[in-house]
Amino acid sequence: MKTYAIISDIHGNSLALRAVLNDIKSRGIADIINLGDHFFGALEPEETAAVLRENPMLCISGNTDREILQAIDTDFTKDGMDRIKADLSQQSISWLRKLPKTSTHDGLFFVCHGTPESDDAYLLEKVTAHGVFIYNDEDLVERTKHIKERIVLCGHSHVNRVIYLSNDKIILNPGSVGLPAYLGTGEHRFAMESNTPHAKYAIVRADGDNIDIEQVLVAYDWHKASENARKNGNKKWANFLLYGRMPKDLRY
């Protein structure tokens, strides 16, 4: 049997990342797959980078990783980006530049951040004017028909989900290590909420055709993380970190 830890969407939360890595190590798991979005947010980008350098793993790029590089190379900007650029070392920026957009692993996993084609689209969730819904089986089979690997790993929505498809494929989102809720923008306003403040990751155990998946919620000092976000001037992130959901007064 082979065992893998799947992590995603750290977003600069070094406290949550350390807690997750300690939990992974306590279980004797050495093979870690990281789905991207490493540094952007209201917390500790360079400290997070240092932790990642100490813990080798398979990493790919997420949408905010790409945006950090865009902000460095062009006039692209967004709220909070200047602080991230100022904090990250050249070593960390060079590391970001080397990350692939997608990957595969052990002939079992296809690894992407959002969808196989896009780092800022959702594979499992459809955002509508009436809320966020999971695509049906037929849609997900169609969206992943070109992928030969049995397990498709995706992040981006920060909500932990496991979907078993009728064609025997599995789509797994491990949830977010570092940001358990956020308010999305685009054609529609929407909230992505995991509804707990825990740091989240997933464990996959593979024994031939037998696949066992465990979603793990790790306690850490989210009060300290929330206070750090507040000190950095981000009240929304402070609330997201503390509750894992959207306070009513922040929804719109």
Protein backbone atom coordinates (compact mmCIF):
# COMPACT_ATOMS: atom_id res chain seq x y z
CA MET A 1 0.00 0.00 0.00
CA LYS A 2 1.20 3.51 -0.87
CA THR A 3 0.16 6.52 1.18
CA TYR A 4 0.08 10.14 0.05
CA ALA A 5 -0.73 13.45 1.75
CA ILE A 6 -2.50 16.05 -0.40
CA ILE A 7 -2.33 19.72 0.57
CA SER A 8 -3.45 22.93 -1.14
CA ASP A 9 -4.06 26.66 -0.74
CA ILE A 10 -1.66 27.53 2.08
CA HIS A 11 -1.97 31.26 1.36
CA GLY A 12 0.93 32.28 3.57
CA ASN A 13 -0.47 30.71 6.73
CA SER A 14 2.75 29.39 8.22
CA LEU A 15 1.09 28.39 11.50
CA ALA A 16 -1.43 26.16 9.70
CA LEU A 17 1.23 24.74 7.38
CA ARG A 18 3.47 23.72 10.28
CA ALA A 19 0.54 22.06 12.04
CA VAL A 20 -0.40 20.10 8.90
CA LEU A 21 3.17 19.01 8.20
CA ASN A 22 3.59 17.90 11.82
CA ASP A 23 0.42 15.82 11.52
CA ILE A 24 1.61 14.29 8.25
CA LYS A 25 4.99 13.42 9.79
CA SER A 26 3.32 11.89 12.86
CA ARG A 27 1.56 9.46 10.51
CA GLY A 28 4.81 8.50 8.79
CA ILE A 29 3.76 9.88 5.38
CA ALA A 30 6.67 11.01 3.20
CA ASP A 31 4.95 11.56 -0.17
CA ILE A 32 3.26 15.00 -0.23
CA ILE A 33 1.50 16.60 -3.19
CA ASN A 34 0.90 20.35 -3.02
CA LEU A 35 -1.71 21.93 -5.32
CA GLY A 36 -0.57 25.55 -5.19
CA ASP A 37 -1.49 29.03 -3.94
CA HIS A 38 1.40 29.17 -1.53
CA PHE A 39 2.00 32.76 -0.43
CA PHE A 40 -0.69 35.32 -1.28
CA GLY A 41 -2.81 36.64 1.58
CA ALA A 42 -2.77 38.55 4.83
CA LEU A 43 -0.21 36.43 6.66
CA GLU A 44 3.46 35.32 6.32
CA PRO A 45 4.60 34.65 2.73
CA GLU A 46 8.37 34.41 3.24
CA GLU A 47 8.08 32.42 6.46
CA THR A 48 5.83 30.00 4.60
CA ALA A 49 8.41 29.77 1.81
CA ALA A 50 11.08 28.89 4.35
CA VAL A 51 8.94 26.07 5.75
CA LEU A 52 8.36 24.69 2.25
CA ARG A 53 12.08 24.74 1.50
CA GLU A 54 12.63 22.56 4.58
CA ASN A 55 10.03 20.03 3.46
CA PRO A 56 10.50 18.70 -0.10
CA MET A 57 7.28 17.81 -1.92
CA LEU A 58 5.70 17.87 -5.37
CA CYS A 59 4.38 21.41 -5.92
CA ILE A 60 2.48 23.08 -8.74
CA SER A 61 1.49 26.70 -9.34
CA GLY A 62 -1.87 28.17 -8.38
CA ASN A 63 -3.62 31.27 -9.64
CA THR A 64 -2.22 33.56 -6.94
CA ASP A 65 1.29 32.20 -7.51
CA ARG A 66 0.92 33.23 -11.15
CA GLU A 67 -0.47 36.63 -10.07
CA ILE A 68 2.51 37.28 -7.81
CA LEU A 69 4.83 36.79 -10.77
CA GLN A 70 2.60 38.98 -12.95
CA ALA A 71 2.79 41.72 -10.33
CA ILE A 72 6.59 41.45 -10.28
CA ASP A 73 6.96 41.42 -14.06
CA THR A 74 4.15 43.79 -15.15
CA ASP A 75 1.87 46.50 -13.78
CA PHE A 76 -0.66 43.94 -12.53
CA THR A 77 -1.80 44.57 -8.95
CA LYS A 78 -4.47 43.63 -6.43
CA ASP A 79 -5.19 44.43 -2.80
CA GLY A 80 -2.40 43.23 -0.55
CA MET A 81 0.02 42.42 -3.36
CA ASP A 82 2.59 45.11 -2.51
CA ARG A 83 3.13 43.60 0.94
CA ILE A 84 3.64 40.14 -0.57
CA LYS A 85 6.17 41.40 -3.11
CA ALA A 86 8.11 43.25 -0.41
CA ASP A 87 8.25 40.22 1.89
CA LEU A 88 9.25 37.50 -0.58
CA SER A 89 12.95 36.86 -1.15
CA GLN A 90 14.49 36.44 -4.57
CA GLN A 91 15.00 32.77 -3.69
CA SER A 92 11.26 32.35 -3.15
CA ILE A 93 10.37 34.23 -6.32
CA SER A 94 12.77 32.05 -8.33
CA TRP A 95 11.13 28.98 -6.80
CA LEU A 96 7.70 30.20 -7.93
CA ARG A 97 8.97 30.65 -11.48
CA LYS A 98 9.95 26.99 -11.70
CA LEU A 99 6.57 25.55 -10.67
CA PRO A 100 4.61 23.66 -13.36
CA LYS A 101 0.95 24.46 -13.99
CA THR A 102 -0.07 20.80 -13.75
CA SER A 103 1.65 17.51 -13.09
CA THR A 104 1.12 13.77 -12.74
CA HIS A 105 2.37 11.42 -10.04
CA ASP A 106 2.95 7.69 -9.79
CA GLY A 107 0.60 6.99 -12.69
CA LEU A 108 -2.28 7.49 -10.22
CA PHE A 109 -2.76 11.25 -9.87
CA PHE A 110 -3.42 14.11 -12.25
CA VAL A 111 -2.51 17.27 -10.35
CA CYS A 112 -4.03 20.69 -11.06
CA HIS A 113 -4.95 23.76 -9.05
CA GLY A 114 -8.29 24.73 -10.56
CA THR A 115 -9.12 22.69 -13.64
CA PRO A 116 -6.76 20.88 -16.02
CA GLU A 117 -6.98 23.89 -18.35
CA SER A 118 -7.19 26.84 -15.95
CA ASP A 119 -5.75 27.76 -12.56
CA ASP A 120 -8.59 30.16 -11.74
CA ALA A 121 -11.66 28.09 -12.63
CA TYR A 122 -13.43 25.54 -10.45
CA LEU A 123 -13.49 21.90 -11.47
CA LEU A 124 -16.23 20.73 -9.10
CA GLU A 125 -18.24 23.86 -8.36
CA LYS A 126 -20.55 25.84 -10.63
CA VAL A 127 -21.12 29.43 -9.51
CA THR A 128 -24.58 30.79 -10.34
CA ALA A 129 -26.75 33.74 -9.37
CA HIS A 130 -28.53 31.36 -6.98
CA GLY A 131 -25.45 29.97 -5.24
CA VAL A 132 -22.63 27.47 -5.66
CA PHE A 133 -23.51 23.96 -6.85
CA ILE A 134 -21.57 20.78 -7.62
CA TYR A 135 -21.51 19.72 -11.26
CA ASN A 136 -23.40 16.50 -11.94
CA ASP A 137 -21.72 13.22 -12.78
CA GLU A 138 -22.17 13.54 -16.53
CA ASP A 139 -20.56 16.97 -16.58
CA LEU A 140 -17.59 15.88 -14.48
CA VAL A 141 -17.04 12.75 -16.57
CA GLU A 142 -16.97 14.95 -19.68
CA ARG A 143 -14.65 17.52 -18.07
CA THR A 144 -12.08 14.88 -17.13
CA LYS A 145 -12.44 12.42 -20.03
CA HIS A 146 -9.01 13.28 -21.45
CA ILE A 147 -7.24 12.46 -18.17
CA LYS A 148 -5.91 8.91 -17.97
CA GLU A 149 -5.01 8.94 -14.28
CA ARG A 150 -7.67 7.60 -11.95
CA ILE A 151 -7.52 10.37 -9.31
CA VAL A 152 -7.81 14.02 -10.27
CA LEU A 153 -6.53 16.40 -7.58
CA CYS A 154 -7.79 19.97 -7.53
CA GLY A 155 -7.86 22.89 -5.12
CA HIS A 156 -8.83 26.54 -5.58
CA SER A 157 -12.29 26.45 -3.96
CA HIS A 158 -10.84 25.79 -0.46
CA VAL A 159 -13.71 23.37 0.26
CA ASN A 160 -12.77 19.75 0.93
CA ARG A 161 -14.71 17.32 -1.28
CA VAL A 162 -14.42 13.79 -2.66
CA ILE A 163 -16.46 12.90 -5.75
CA TYR A 164 -16.62 9.34 -7.10
CA LEU A 165 -17.58 9.31 -10.79
CA SER A 166 -19.53 6.67 -12.69
CA ASN A 167 -16.46 5.91 -14.84
CA ASP A 168 -14.47 4.87 -11.72
CA LYS A 169 -12.45 8.08 -11.55
CA ILE A 170 -12.20 10.11 -8.36
CA ILE A 171 -11.94 13.88 -7.99
CA LEU A 172 -10.44 15.03 -4.71
CA ASN A 173 -10.19 18.54 -3.29
CA PRO A 174 -8.30 18.42 0.02
CA GLY A 175 -9.59 21.79 1.17
CA SER A 176 -7.33 24.65 2.23
CA VAL A 177 -4.43 24.48 4.63
CA GLY A 178 -4.49 28.18 5.32
CA LEU A 179 -7.77 29.90 4.43
CA PRO A 180 -11.04 28.10 5.28
CA ALA A 181 -13.41 30.63 3.66
CA TYR A 182 -13.42 33.54 1.26
CA LEU A 183 -15.72 35.84 -0.68
CA GLY A 184 -15.50 35.24 -4.41
CA THR A 185 -15.93 37.81 -7.15
CA GLY A 186 -16.75 37.59 -10.82
CA GLU A 187 -20.03 37.51 -12.67
CA HIS A 188 -21.69 36.62 -9.35
CA ARG A 189 -20.77 37.35 -5.75
CA PHE A 190 -20.45 34.14 -3.76
CA ALA A 191 -19.00 32.67 -0.60
CA MET A 192 -16.75 29.61 -0.41
CA GLU A 193 -17.03 28.23 3.12
CA SER A 194 -15.66 25.09 4.76
CA ASN A 195 -17.48 25.99 8.00
CA THR A 196 -14.63 25.10 10.37
CA PRO A 197 -11.43 27.05 11.12
CA HIS A 198 -9.21 23.96 10.95
CA ALA A 199 -6.27 23.52 8.60
CA LYS A 200 -7.34 20.86 6.10
CA TYR A 201 -5.62 18.23 4.00
CA ALA A 202 -6.32 14.74 2.66
CA ILE A 203 -4.68 11.33 2.84
CA VAL A 204 -4.89 8.85 -0.04
CA ARG A 205 -4.02 5.19 0.55
CA ALA A 206 -3.71 3.13 -2.64
CA ASP A 207 -3.50 -0.66 -2.72
CA GLY A 208 -3.93 -1.68 -6.33
CA ASP A 209 -7.47 -0.75 -7.35
CA ASN A 210 -8.48 -0.16 -3.74
CA ILE A 211 -8.42 3.52 -2.86
CA ASP A 212 -9.00 4.84 0.65
CA ILE A 213 -9.38 8.59 1.18
CA GLU A 214 -9.35 10.39 4.51
CA GLN A 215 -10.13 14.07 4.91
CA VAL A 216 -8.15 15.47 7.86
CA LEU A 217 -8.96 18.56 9.95
CA VAL A 218 -6.01 19.81 11.99
CA ALA A 219 -6.35 22.11 14.98
CA TYR A 220 -3.83 24.95 15.25
CA ASP A 221 -3.74 28.43 16.77
CA TRP A 222 -6.22 30.06 14.41
CA HIS A 223 -6.81 32.83 16.94
CA LYS A 224 -3.17 33.88 16.47
CA ALA A 225 -3.47 33.59 12.69
CA SER A 226 -6.62 35.71 12.79
CA GLU A 227 -4.89 38.34 14.91
CA ASN A 228 -1.92 38.39 12.52
CA ALA A 229 -4.29 39.07 9.62
CA ARG A 230 -5.96 41.84 11.61
CA LYS A 231 -2.58 43.41 12.40
CA ASN A 232 -1.84 43.37 8.68
CA GLY A 233 -5.01 45.37 8.09
CA ASN A 234 -7.25 42.62 6.71
CA LYS A 235 -10.43 42.34 8.78
CA LYS A 236 -12.08 39.99 6.28
CA TRP A 237 -9.27 37.45 6.45
CA ALA A 238 -9.25 37.73 10.24
CA ASN A 239 -12.89 36.63 10.27
CA PHE A 240 -12.43 33.92 7.65
CA LEU A 241 -9.59 32.38 9.67
CA LEU A 242 -11.49 32.51 12.92
CA TYR A 243 -14.79 31.01 11.77
CA GLY A 244 -14.30 29.19 8.46
CA ARG A 245 -17.38 30.91 7.10
CA MET A 246 -18.59 34.30 5.99
CA PRO A 247 -19.94 36.61 8.72
CA LYS A 248 -23.24 38.05 7.60
CA ASP A 249 -21.96 41.64 7.58
CA LEU A 250 -19.12 40.72 5.19
CA ARG A 251 -21.11 38.86 2.55
CA TYR A 252 -21.94 41.83 0.34
